[in-house]
Amino acid sequence: MVSALSFDGFLRNARERVAESRRGDGYTRHRGGTATDLYGTAAAIGIRIALGDHPIGREADDLRRAVNSFATADGLFADPTHGEIHRAATALTTLMVLGELPPVPARLQDLLRAEAAAPFLAGLDWDQPWPASHEAAGLLAIGVVCAGAAENERTGWLDQYLGWLDDHADGETGLWLRDRMGAVDEDPGLFGNLGCSFHMHFLYEWLGRTWPNPSGVVDTGLLLLHETPTVLPSEDSPLDAWGFRQLDWVYSVGRSARDGHRAAEVTAACETLANRAAAALSAPDAAEGDLHVVQARVGLVAELAVQLPDAIDTGGLSLRSILDARPFI
């Protein structure tokens, strides 16, 4: 077991960065931004929750108002980045975690019919699995957290949706999509399938559903960490190498190892990653830049604390995995 690794300075800087990014009821994504935006607001809320500062009462009311200010007439949400389903899932799951039961966007209602599940999923570009998962997981998250359909209708859609995903998981790796695995020696290659599957995994977790072949996820994750540079940046890598890739890996592989498969190896791999992360995130500008990415780094530390509870020094903070609070990121 590694000795306690300090992330105290980074977490303190992240908290200060969030406070400095407040603009009116919401937050701005980029340092020096003058106006609130959807992803800055959602990221700030995610970071606050991870740091044990879950907004409630009037504060939650203000933040809900900020998120809803980006809603468009068709129930979707405006932002210059990401696709419309990703934007909607980001906004609606953020409203959910703030205590609002949002309605399904009018533009997406037809996609939440049982007969629409398989055609929607089959129509995604699974040759690009990571971006495809933004759509697949985004719509699933919307269907899970939103109101507006009779219980039997939503249950029928969910059964068809999850059934299709179960049927199309790769039997060897446990990843999505079957017969569409990328090459190990390409970037993102096979990691693109793991990054894709991470988005399904946190929703399966939210729903209490068994993950397809977790042992295969562990085997694939260890291969990616030890045999490729896609997960573990070198000691001299730039700071922008840290964020979503490491969060995706730790969440999917660490939680897949709960059944005991190669658990000691996964713990050792998490320790290696945690050591490298502690050094990288000790940089004074680790909480600067895109607040959406800072959220991923905070989420990484929180997930490392799940996997290595005695090895992560948070400066006394009790961290909460963002994805245990809000089923989308």
Foldseek 3Di string as FASTA:
>chain_A
DAAAFEPQLLLVVLLVVLVQQDAFLAGPFAPPDNDHDQLRRLLSQLSCVQQVNHDADPNLVSSLVVLCVQADPQRWGDDPDDDRLLRRLSSQLSNVLSPDAAAQGNVCVVCQFQVNQVVVLVPFDCLQLLSSLSNLLSVVSSLVRHDDDDPVRNVSNVCSNVVVVLVQQDQQQLWPGHPNAFDLADVVGNLSRLNSRLLVVLVCVVVVHDRRPLLSNQVVLVCSLPPHCQAAPDLPDALVSDASSPLSSLVSNLVSCPVPRCNVVNLVSLVVRSVSLSSSSVPPCNSHGGSSRSSRSSLNLSSSCVRVVNHYHNPPGNGDRSSNSGSHD
